[in-house]
Structure formats: C-alpha cells, structure tokens
C-alpha atoms as a PDB file:
ATOM      1  CA  MET A   1     -15.428 -30.353   6.631  1.00  0.00           C
ATOM      2  CA  ASN A   2     -14.099 -26.941   7.640  1.00  0.00           C
ATOM      3  CA  HIS A   3     -15.898 -23.635   8.053  1.00  0.00           C
ATOM      4  CA  LEU A   4     -15.358 -22.675   4.379  1.00  0.00           C
ATOM      5  CA  LEU A   5     -17.878 -25.397   3.376  1.00  0.00           C
ATOM      6  CA  ARG A   6     -16.210 -25.873  -0.010  1.00  0.00           C
ATOM      7  CA  SER A   7     -17.329 -29.511  -0.252  1.00  0.00           C
ATOM      8  CA  GLN A   8     -20.979 -28.375  -0.295  1.00  0.00           C
ATOM      9  CA  ALA A   9     -20.553 -26.143  -3.348  1.00  0.00           C
ATOM     10  CA  PRO A  10     -21.598 -27.360  -6.832  1.00  0.00           C
ATOM     11  CA  ILE A  11     -18.047 -26.769  -8.071  1.00  0.00           C
ATOM     12  CA  SER A  12     -15.729 -29.399  -9.496  1.00  0.00           C
ATOM     13  CA  ASP A  13     -12.138 -29.910  -8.324  1.00  0.00           C
ATOM     14  CA  SER A  14     -10.891 -28.280 -11.530  1.00  0.00           C
ATOM     15  CA  GLY A  15     -13.309 -25.393 -10.903  1.00  0.00           C
ATOM     16  CA  TRP A  16     -11.893 -24.831  -7.432  1.00  0.00           C
ATOM     17  CA  ASN A  17      -8.357 -24.951  -8.833  1.00  0.00           C
ATOM     18  CA  LEU A  18      -9.329 -22.306 -11.385  1.00  0.00           C
ATOM     19  CA  LEU A  19     -10.832 -20.041  -8.723  1.00  0.00           C
ATOM     20  CA  ASP A  20      -7.896 -20.445  -6.338  1.00  0.00           C
ATOM     21  CA  GLU A  21      -5.359 -19.702  -9.076  1.00  0.00           C
ATOM     22  CA  GLU A  22      -7.269 -16.615 -10.193  1.00  0.00           C
ATOM     23  CA  ALA A  23      -7.412 -15.350  -6.608  1.00  0.00           C
ATOM     24  CA  ARG A  24      -3.666 -15.823  -6.166  1.00  0.00           C
ATOM     25  CA  GLU A  25      -2.903 -13.943  -9.368  1.00  0.00           C
ATOM     26  CA  ARG A  26      -5.153 -11.018  -8.443  1.00  0.00           C
ATOM     27  CA  LEU A  27      -4.196 -10.768  -4.787  1.00  0.00           C
ATOM     28  CA  GLY A  28      -0.431 -11.005  -5.269  1.00  0.00           C
ATOM     29  CA  PRO A  29       0.197  -7.517  -6.718  1.00  0.00           C
ATOM     30  CA  ALA A  30      -2.440  -5.789  -4.559  1.00  0.00           C
ATOM     31  CA  LEU A  31      -1.388  -6.995  -1.084  1.00  0.00           C
ATOM     32  CA  ALA A  32       1.168  -4.251  -0.644  1.00  0.00           C
ATOM     33  CA  ALA A  33       1.298  -3.934   3.146  1.00  0.00           C
ATOM     34  CA  ARG A  34       2.472  -7.524   3.620  1.00  0.00           C
ATOM     35  CA  ARG A  35       5.598  -6.770   1.595  1.00  0.00           C
ATOM     36  CA  LEU A  36       6.669  -4.001   3.961  1.00  0.00           C
ATOM     37  CA  VAL A  37       6.018  -5.464   7.421  1.00  0.00           C
ATOM     38  CA  ASP A  38       6.905  -8.656   9.303  1.00  0.00           C
ATOM     39  CA  PHE A  39       4.472 -11.467   8.410  1.00  0.00           C
ATOM     40  CA  LYS A  40       3.715 -14.221  10.916  1.00  0.00           C
ATOM     41  CA  GLY A  41       1.484 -17.178  10.116  1.00  0.00           C
ATOM     42  CA  PRO A  42      -0.893 -18.415   8.928  1.00  0.00           C
ATOM     43  CA  LEU A  43      -1.834 -19.683  12.382  1.00  0.00           C
ATOM     44  CA  GLY A  44      -5.310 -21.064  11.596  1.00  0.00           C
ATOM     45  CA  TRP A  45      -8.931 -19.974  11.681  1.00  0.00           C
ATOM     46  CA  ASP A  46      -9.240 -20.801  15.377  1.00  0.00           C
ATOM     47  CA  TYR A  47      -6.373 -18.467  16.307  1.00  0.00           C
ATOM     48  CA  ALA A  48      -8.130 -15.563  18.005  1.00  0.00           C
ATOM     49  CA  ALA A  49      -5.689 -13.064  19.498  1.00  0.00           C
ATOM     50  CA  THR A  50      -2.122 -11.783  19.480  1.00  0.00           C
ATOM     51  CA  ASN A  51      -0.209 -11.847  22.743  1.00  0.00           C
ATOM     52  CA  LEU A  52       1.022  -8.330  23.584  1.00  0.00           C
ATOM     53  CA  GLY A  53       3.162  -9.461  26.518  1.00  0.00           C
ATOM     54  CA  ARG A  54       1.433  -7.061  28.896  1.00  0.00           C
ATOM     55  CA  SER A  55      -1.177  -7.246  31.613  1.00  0.00           C
ATOM     56  CA  THR A  56      -3.431  -5.006  33.712  1.00  0.00           C
ATOM     57  CA  PRO A  57      -4.423  -5.440  37.345  1.00  0.00           C
ATOM     58  CA  VAL A  58      -7.857  -6.818  38.163  1.00  0.00           C
ATOM     59  CA  GLU A  59      -9.398  -4.623  40.835  1.00  0.00           C
ATOM     60  CA  GLU A  60     -12.341  -6.823  41.849  1.00  0.00           C
ATOM     61  CA  GLY A  61     -11.835  -8.614  45.148  1.00  0.00           C
ATOM     62  CA  LEU A  62     -10.984 -12.272  44.622  1.00  0.00           C
ATOM     63  CA  GLY A  63     -10.284 -13.091  48.220  1.00  0.00           C
ATOM     64  CA  ASP A  64      -7.919 -12.085  51.003  1.00  0.00           C
ATOM     65  CA  GLY A  65      -4.251 -12.389  50.186  1.00  0.00           C
ATOM     66  CA  LEU A  66      -4.876 -12.700  46.459  1.00  0.00           C
ATOM     67  CA  SER A  67      -4.048 -10.493  43.509  1.00  0.00           C
ATOM     68  CA  ALA A  68      -4.812 -10.925  39.830  1.00  0.00           C
ATOM     69  CA  ARG A  69      -3.799  -9.518  36.482  1.00  0.00           C
ATOM     70  CA  ARG A  70      -5.520  -9.812  33.119  1.00  0.00           C
ATOM     71  CA  ARG A  71      -3.366 -10.553  30.058  1.00  0.00           C
ATOM     72  CA  SER A  72      -3.528  -7.978  27.254  1.00  0.00           C
ATOM     73  CA  VAL A  73      -4.180  -9.334  23.775  1.00  0.00           C
ATOM     74  CA  LEU A  74      -4.991  -7.940  20.355  1.00  0.00           C
ATOM     75  CA  ALA A  75      -8.062  -9.626  18.887  1.00  0.00           C
ATOM     76  CA  LEU A  76      -7.827 -10.688  15.254  1.00  0.00           C
ATOM     77  CA  LEU A  77      -9.993  -8.956  12.667  1.00  0.00           C
ATOM     78  CA  GLU A  78     -12.045 -11.060  10.247  1.00  0.00           C
ATOM     79  CA  LEU A  79     -12.464  -9.639   6.742  1.00  0.00           C
ATOM     80  CA  ARG A  80     -14.850 -11.019   4.121  1.00  0.00           C
ATOM     81  CA  ALA A  81     -15.591  -9.947   0.538  1.00  0.00           C
ATOM     82  CA  GLU A  82     -18.582 -11.691  -1.070  1.00  0.00           C
ATOM     83  CA  PHE A  83     -19.103 -12.344  -4.791  1.00  0.00           C
ATOM     84  CA  GLU A  84     -21.081 -14.524  -7.222  1.00  0.00           C
ATOM     85  CA  ILE A  85     -19.917 -16.676 -10.119  1.00  0.00           C
ATOM     86  CA  LEU A  86     -22.398 -17.827 -12.761  1.00  0.00           C
ATOM     87  CA  ARG A  87     -22.823 -21.588 -12.806  1.00  0.00           C
ATOM     88  CA  SER A  88     -22.814 -21.505 -16.596  1.00  0.00           C
ATOM     89  CA  GLU A  89     -19.310 -20.014 -16.520  1.00  0.00           C
ATOM     90  CA  LEU A  90     -18.078 -22.767 -14.191  1.00  0.00           C
ATOM     91  CA  GLU A  91     -19.660 -25.422 -16.384  1.00  0.00           C
ATOM     92  CA  ASP A  92     -17.990 -23.949 -19.473  1.00  0.00           C
ATOM     93  CA  ALA A  93     -14.668 -23.953 -17.632  1.00  0.00           C
ATOM     94  CA  ASP A  94     -15.106 -27.683 -16.949  1.00  0.00           C
ATOM     95  CA  ARG A  95     -15.615 -28.151 -20.697  1.00  0.00           C
ATOM     96  CA  GLY A  96     -12.300 -26.440 -21.335  1.00  0.00           C
ATOM     97  CA  ALA A  97     -13.341 -22.855 -22.076  1.00  0.00           C
ATOM     98  CA  PRO A  98     -10.215 -20.658 -21.805  1.00  0.00           C
ATOM     99  CA  ASP A  99     -12.097 -17.380 -21.224  1.00  0.00           C
ATOM    100  CA  THR A 100     -14.136 -17.990 -18.065  1.00  0.00           C
ATOM    101  CA  ASP A 101     -15.616 -14.760 -16.689  1.00  0.00           C
ATOM    102  CA  LEU A 102     -14.199 -14.467 -13.175  1.00  0.00           C
ATOM    103  CA  SER A 103     -14.502 -10.684 -12.965  1.00  0.00           C
ATOM    104  CA  PRO A 104     -16.646 -10.814  -9.771  1.00  0.00           C
ATOM    105  CA  LEU A 105     -13.798 -12.690  -8.043  1.00  0.00           C
ATOM    106  CA  ASP A 106     -11.283 -10.163  -9.389  1.00  0.00           C
ATOM    107  CA  ALA A 107     -13.315  -7.280  -7.968  1.00  0.00           C
ATOM    108  CA  ALA A 108     -13.674  -9.008  -4.579  1.00  0.00           C
ATOM    109  CA  ALA A 109      -9.925  -9.654  -4.442  1.00  0.00           C
ATOM    110  CA  LEU A 110      -9.186  -5.976  -5.035  1.00  0.00           C
ATOM    111  CA  ARG A 111     -11.727  -4.921  -2.382  1.00  0.00           C
ATOM    112  CA  ILE A 112     -10.312  -7.124   0.337  1.00  0.00           C
ATOM    113  CA  ALA A 113      -6.692  -6.320  -0.556  1.00  0.00           C
ATOM    114  CA  ALA A 114      -7.506  -2.588  -0.424  1.00  0.00           C
ATOM    115  CA  ALA A 115      -9.187  -3.064   2.970  1.00  0.00           C
ATOM    116  CA  GLU A 116      -6.144  -4.911   4.327  1.00  0.00           C
ATOM    117  CA  ASN A 117      -3.752  -2.259   3.021  1.00  0.00           C
ATOM    118  CA  GLY A 118      -5.918   0.488   4.484  1.00  0.00           C
ATOM    119  CA  ALA A 119      -6.069  -1.155   7.890  1.00  0.00           C
ATOM    120  CA  VAL A 120      -2.316  -1.773   8.081  1.00  0.00           C
ATOM    121  CA  LEU A 121      -0.858   1.305   6.406  1.00  0.00           C
ATOM    122  CA  MET A 122      -3.495   3.947   7.145  1.00  0.00           C
ATOM    123  CA  GLY A 123      -5.311   2.617  10.209  1.00  0.00           C
ATOM    124  CA  ARG A 124      -8.963   2.352   9.227  1.00  0.00           C
ATOM    125  CA  GLY A 125     -11.799   2.033  11.718  1.00  0.00           C
ATOM    126  CA  ASP A 126     -10.448   0.824  15.041  1.00  0.00           C
ATOM    127  CA  GLN A 127      -7.290  -0.585  13.471  1.00  0.00           C
ATOM    128  CA  ASP A 128      -3.997   0.763  14.828  1.00  0.00           C
ATOM    129  CA  GLY A 129      -2.305   1.368  11.475  1.00  0.00           C
ATOM    130  CA  ILE A 130       1.092   2.854  10.669  1.00  0.00           C
ATOM    131  CA  ALA A 131      -0.121   6.305   9.609  1.00  0.00           C
ATOM    132  CA  LYS A 132      -2.155   6.699  12.807  1.00  0.00           C
ATOM    133  CA  ARG A 133       0.862   5.982  14.988  1.00  0.00           C
ATOM    134  CA  SER A 134       3.799   7.624  13.233  1.00  0.00           C
ATOM    135  CA  PRO A 135       5.037  10.564  15.361  1.00  0.00           C
ATOM    136  CA  HIS A 136       6.952  12.214  12.520  1.00  0.00           C
ATOM    137  CA  GLU A 137       5.772  15.348  10.778  1.00  0.00           C
ATOM    138  CA  ARG A 138       4.079  14.387   7.539  1.00  0.00           C
ATOM    139  CA  VAL A 139       5.992  15.130   4.336  1.00  0.00           C
ATOM    140  CA  SER A 140       4.196  16.553   1.289  1.00  0.00           C
ATOM    141  CA  LEU A 141       4.859  14.621  -1.905  1.00  0.00           C
ATOM    142  CA  GLY A 142       4.007  17.506  -4.221  1.00  0.00           C
ATOM    143  CA  ALA A 143       4.214  17.000  -7.984  1.00  0.00           C
ATOM    144  CA  PRO A 144       6.005  13.932  -9.409  1.00  0.00           C
ATOM    145  CA  GLU A 145       9.200  15.890  -9.988  1.00  0.00           C
ATOM    146  CA  ASP A 146       9.201  16.676  -6.262  1.00  0.00           C
ATOM    147  CA  TYR A 147       8.967  13.010  -5.134  1.00  0.00           C
ATOM    148  CA  PRO A 148      12.752  12.464  -4.805  1.00  0.00           C
ATOM    149  CA  ALA A 149      13.203  15.476  -2.527  1.00  0.00           C
ATOM    150  CA  ALA A 150      10.193  14.442  -0.448  1.00  0.00           C
ATOM    151  CA  LEU A 151      11.573  10.918  -0.029  1.00  0.00           C
ATOM    152  CA  ALA A 152      14.971  12.304   0.927  1.00  0.00           C
ATOM    153  CA  ARG A 153      13.344  14.408   3.665  1.00  0.00           C
ATOM    154  CA  ALA A 154      11.348  11.432   4.927  1.00  0.00           C
ATOM    155  CA  SER A 155      14.469   9.239   4.966  1.00  0.00           C
ATOM    156  CA  GLU A 156      16.329  11.905   6.923  1.00  0.00           C
ATOM    157  CA  SER A 157      13.541  11.951   9.536  1.00  0.00           C
ATOM    158  CA  LEU A 158      13.894   8.206  10.022  1.00  0.00           C
ATOM    159  CA  LEU A 159      17.672   8.265  10.214  1.00  0.00           C
ATOM    160  CA  ALA A 160      17.593  11.191  12.677  1.00  0.00           C
ATOM    161  CA  SER A 161      15.386   9.053  14.944  1.00  0.00           C
ATOM    162  CA  GLY A 162      17.896   6.214  14.881  1.00  0.00           C
ATOM    163  CA  VAL A 163      15.871   4.133  12.430  1.00  0.00           C
ATOM    164  CA  GLY A 164      18.024   2.554   9.756  1.00  0.00           C
ATOM    165  CA  GLY A 165      17.253   1.243   6.289  1.00  0.00           C
ATOM    166  CA  PRO A 166      16.749  -0.158   3.846  1.00  0.00           C
ATOM    167  CA  PHE A 167      13.340   1.380   3.429  1.00  0.00           C
ATOM    168  CA  GLY A 168      10.213   0.364   1.549  1.00  0.00           C
ATOM    169  CA  LEU A 169       7.698   2.710  -0.014  1.00  0.00           C
ATOM    170  CA  ALA A 170       3.955   2.190  -0.443  1.00  0.00           C
ATOM    171  CA  LEU A 171       2.215   4.524  -2.909  1.00  0.00           C
ATOM    172  CA  ALA A 172      -1.525   4.949  -3.500  1.00  0.00           C
ATOM    173  CA  ASP A 173      -3.078   4.475  -6.958  1.00  0.00           C
ATOM    174  CA  GLU A 174      -2.471   7.922  -8.443  1.00  0.00           C
ATOM    175  CA  GLN A 175       0.953   8.419  -6.907  1.00  0.00           C
ATOM    176  CA  TYR A 176       2.146   5.005  -8.095  1.00  0.00           C
ATOM    177  CA  ARG A 177       0.948   5.706 -11.639  1.00  0.00           C
ATOM    178  CA  GLU A 178       2.757   9.031 -11.592  1.00  0.00           C
ATOM    179  CA  ALA A 179       5.962   7.410 -10.331  1.00  0.00           C
ATOM    180  CA  VAL A 180       5.837   4.731 -13.031  1.00  0.00           C
ATOM    181  CA  GLY A 181       4.926   7.069 -15.884  1.00  0.00           C
ATOM    182  CA  SER A 182       7.179  10.067 -15.139  1.00  0.00           C
ATOM    183  CA  THR A 183      10.812  10.942 -15.594  1.00  0.00           C
ATOM    184  CA  SER A 184      13.016  12.934 -13.267  1.00  0.00           C
ATOM    185  CA  ARG A 185      15.221  15.808 -14.309  1.00  0.00           C
ATOM    186  CA  GLY A 186      17.571  14.655 -17.031  1.00  0.00           C
ATOM    187  CA  GLY A 187      15.099  12.121 -18.447  1.00  0.00           C
ATOM    188  CA  TYR A 188      15.909   9.328 -15.956  1.00  0.00           C
ATOM    189  CA  PRO A 189      12.870   7.149 -15.079  1.00  0.00           C
ATOM    190  CA  LEU A 190      11.383   8.511 -11.866  1.00  0.00           C
ATOM    191  CA  LEU A 191      10.685   5.073 -10.409  1.00  0.00           C
ATOM    192  CA  GLU A 192      14.340   4.084 -10.718  1.00  0.00           C
ATOM    193  CA  HIS A 193      15.405   7.376  -9.117  1.00  0.00           C
ATOM    194  CA  LEU A 194      13.095   6.671  -6.161  1.00  0.00           C
ATOM    195  CA  ARG A 195      14.431   3.115  -5.805  1.00  0.00           C
ATOM    196  CA  ARG A 196      17.937   4.441  -5.430  1.00  0.00           C
ATOM    197  CA  ILE A 197      16.815   6.634  -2.543  1.00  0.00           C
ATOM    198  CA  VAL A 198      14.659   4.005  -0.831  1.00  0.00           C
ATOM    199  CA  GLU A 199      17.002   1.018  -1.400  1.00  0.00           C
ATOM    200  CA  GLY A 200      14.003  -1.294  -1.073  1.00  0.00           C
ATOM    201  CA  PRO A 201      10.703  -2.170  -2.753  1.00  0.00           C
ATOM    202  CA  ILE A 202       8.258   0.417  -4.077  1.00  0.00           C
ATOM    203  CA  VAL A 203       4.773  -1.084  -4.066  1.00  0.00           C
ATOM    204  CA  TRP A 204       1.342  -0.194  -5.419  1.00  0.00           C
ATOM    205  CA  ALA A 205      -1.006   0.052  -2.422  1.00  0.00           C
ATOM    206  CA  PRO A 206      -4.708   0.267  -3.359  1.00  0.00           C
ATOM    207  CA  GLY A 207      -6.875   1.412  -0.463  1.00  0.00           C
ATOM    208  CA  THR A 208      -4.425   4.048   0.763  1.00  0.00           C
ATOM    209  CA  GLU A 209      -3.753   7.750   0.233  1.00  0.00           C
ATOM    210  CA  GLY A 210      -0.437   9.375  -0.610  1.00  0.00           C
ATOM    211  CA  GLY A 211       2.347   7.134   0.598  1.00  0.00           C
ATOM    212  CA  VAL A 212       4.162   5.621   3.565  1.00  0.00           C
ATOM    213  CA  LEU A 213       7.924   5.193   3.903  1.00  0.00           C
ATOM    214  CA  VAL A 214       8.711   2.234   6.186  1.00  0.00           C
ATOM    215  CA  SER A 215      11.940   0.830   7.584  1.00  0.00           C
ATOM    216  CA  LEU A 216      12.538  -2.797   6.549  1.00  0.00           C
ATOM    217  CA  ARG A 217      15.015  -3.537   9.331  1.00  0.00           C
ATOM    218  CA  GLY A 218      12.436  -5.793  11.006  1.00  0.00           C
ATOM    219  CA  GLY A 219      10.767  -5.933  14.410  1.00  0.00           C
ATOM    220  CA  ASP A 220       8.853  -2.667  14.032  1.00  0.00           C
ATOM    221  CA  PHE A 221       5.530  -3.777  12.509  1.00  0.00           C
ATOM    222  CA  THR A 222       3.974  -7.234  12.692  1.00  0.00           C
ATOM    223  CA  PHE A 223       1.116  -8.638  10.612  1.00  0.00           C
ATOM    224  CA  GLU A 224      -0.124 -11.762  12.383  1.00  0.00           C
ATOM    225  CA  CYS A 225      -2.248 -13.934  10.113  1.00  0.00           C
ATOM    226  CA  GLY A 226      -4.805 -16.388  11.459  1.00  0.00           C
ATOM    227  CA  GLN A 227      -6.454 -17.721   8.322  1.00  0.00           C
ATOM    228  CA  ASP A 228      -4.819 -16.520   5.150  1.00  0.00           C
ATOM    229  CA  LEU A 229      -7.028 -15.351   2.304  1.00  0.00           C
ATOM    230  CA  SER A 230      -9.233 -18.249   1.186  1.00  0.00           C
ATOM    231  CA  ILE A 231     -12.368 -18.755  -0.882  1.00  0.00           C
ATOM    232  CA  GLY A 232     -15.440 -20.089   0.930  1.00  0.00           C
ATOM    233  CA  TYR A 233     -18.933 -21.127  -0.090  1.00  0.00           C
ATOM    234  CA  SER A 234     -22.175 -19.462   1.041  1.00  0.00           C
ATOM    235  CA  ALA A 235     -25.057 -20.744  -1.095  1.00  0.00           C
ATOM    236  CA  HIS A 236     -26.210 -21.354  -4.655  1.00  0.00           C
ATOM    237  CA  ASP A 237     -29.290 -21.348  -6.852  1.00  0.00           C
ATOM    238  CA  GLU A 238     -29.939 -22.321 -10.447  1.00  0.00           C
ATOM    239  CA  ARG A 239     -28.139 -19.253 -11.771  1.00  0.00           C
ATOM    240  CA  ALA A 240     -25.084 -18.604  -9.612  1.00  0.00           C
ATOM    241  CA  VAL A 241     -22.858 -19.763  -6.778  1.00  0.00           C
ATOM    242  CA  ARG A 242     -22.370 -17.309  -3.897  1.00  0.00           C
ATOM    243  CA  LEU A 243     -18.817 -17.333  -2.608  1.00  0.00           C
ATOM    244  CA  TYR A 244     -16.535 -15.130  -0.530  1.00  0.00           C
ATOM    245  CA  LEU A 245     -12.905 -14.327   0.149  1.00  0.00           C
ATOM    246  CA  GLU A 246     -12.049 -14.355   3.833  1.00  0.00           C
ATOM    247  CA  GLU A 247      -9.086 -13.795   6.125  1.00  0.00           C
ATOM    248  CA  SER A 248      -8.302 -13.063   9.771  1.00  0.00           C
ATOM    249  CA  PHE A 249      -5.363 -10.991  11.010  1.00  0.00           C
ATOM    250  CA  SER A 250      -4.036  -8.561  13.570  1.00  0.00           C
ATOM    251  CA  PHE A 251      -1.503  -5.769  13.096  1.00  0.00           C
ATOM    252  CA  HIS A 252       0.748  -4.482  15.841  1.00  0.00           C
ATOM    253  CA  VAL A 253       2.913  -1.351  15.780  1.00  0.00           C
ATOM    254  CA  ALA A 254       5.934  -1.859  18.048  1.00  0.00           C
ATOM    255  CA  THR A 255       8.016   1.118  16.854  1.00  0.00           C
ATOM    256  CA  PRO A 256       5.834   3.992  15.573  1.00  0.00           C
ATOM    257  CA  GLU A 257       8.859   6.105  14.674  1.00  0.00           C
ATOM    258  CA  ALA A 258       9.957   3.561  12.032  1.00  0.00           C
ATOM    259  CA  ALA A 259       7.669   5.102   9.370  1.00  0.00           C
ATOM    260  CA  VAL A 260       6.897   8.484   7.828  1.00  0.00           C
ATOM    261  CA  VAL A 261       3.597   9.400   6.159  1.00  0.00           C
ATOM    262  CA  LEU A 262       3.760  11.109   2.749  1.00  0.00           C
ATOM    263  CA  GLU A 263       0.689  13.207   2.026  1.00  0.00           C
ATOM    264  CA  VAL A 264      -0.688  14.749  -1.142  1.00  0.00           C
END
C-alpha cells in the first residue's frame, strides 16, 4: 500500500482506469510549462529536494581544527487539488454507462495544472518562476495585430543576450484565444504567423497572465518531478468518494536571461 491509499477506496479496477484516463486527457493540454522547460523525473514521492551544487559555511563551532559547510538544496513543493465523485456515477460506469459525470475531476485537473503553470512561468508565492527572474525589459503584447511585432522584439532581446532559439511561447487564456481566432495583415492566420517567428511550440497556459517567450535550447530551466500527477483517495460516505490529484516538484532557473515576459 502506498500513500495514495487507492486500495482502500470503494472503486473498481475499471473505475480507477476510467478516472486515470480522464485525468490524463484533461491534464495533457493544460500542463503548458512542462512543454517549454527541461523535465526530470518522476523521481518518487520520497524524493524531497533538488541538489543545487552549492554550499554555505556553518559558523557554529564544531571543534578545533574543524570546518563545515551545509549543502544547498531546493525543497520540492507538494500540490494537491481535492474533488468528489458520486458513487452512483462510478456504479453506473461499472454497468457500462458511457456518460459518467467526471466534471469534478476535470475542474480539479484544471486547477492544479493552472497552479503548476503559475508557479513555473510566473513565480507564485515563494516559487522562483521564470517571470520573476527574467532580467529583460518586459514587452507589451498590445492588440492581436501587434503580437508579431512584440514577439520579434522579444526574440531580438534574447538573441542580443547570446540566447539562441528555437523559442517556445506560453500564452494566457485570453491571449491564446486571440492568437487562435485572429488573422494578421493580409488574412494569414495569426497563430501560423507567430509560429514562424517563434520556430517552436505555442501553448495555452492557464494560470498565467500575458505570455512568456522561452528559449528551448535546453539547460536554462529545470522542472524536477518527484511524484507525477496522480489520483489518491481520502475518504467516502454513502453519497460520494473524496479523492485528490497530487504532485511534488521543484523548479530551478539556471539562466534567467533565457526568457522574456510579454505583458498585456
């Protein structure tokens, strides 16, 4: 038995398969940050900290002729999004119902994906995200017809700092919708115009604001995953089963100048 306690839940094997598949389908498009940074792992639930390769001196006296240093590490963050599924829906799924209501799981998946994107791309709470660390002057996106010029300026900032491409672009909800639904001058789809400038993926990033242009050359940003996103069991009663999505990760910025923030 592991800490997710799945064996204690009143859920059949086919029910767990249904939940896991639904979670994968919902999380895949929303986990934008992972597509733009180096991903390491999963390394397991018991993995607690990322080695930063640095140390600090310990000042307390440990005895004559002795010196000591303390290793610097980055502790992993644990994220959890709780939800409930009606037992009647799970029972109907076991009977073969094709329209099981898993909307609470869908909402939890979006919440935790948005939180992960926000931590990595924006730097929420005490997280050392990309937008917090980038030293470049922020570039205004403006109206949709101005996006290509804004991306060109951001790309120039990266190249002038010695940071090569290809680049990847994360866009928040509204900006992504505008990029998908607009055309550039001459009637060419705006999204395709932006792809030609970026030369890499353009991803929808819920939980962020504006956009972030990131170099994909590698080695600049590392997402270290302990436990990857998994469904666990909390409790149940006659009506519903209480579950949660959970993950643990750290994010380290090695080269802050490898990204430019695009603001609205």
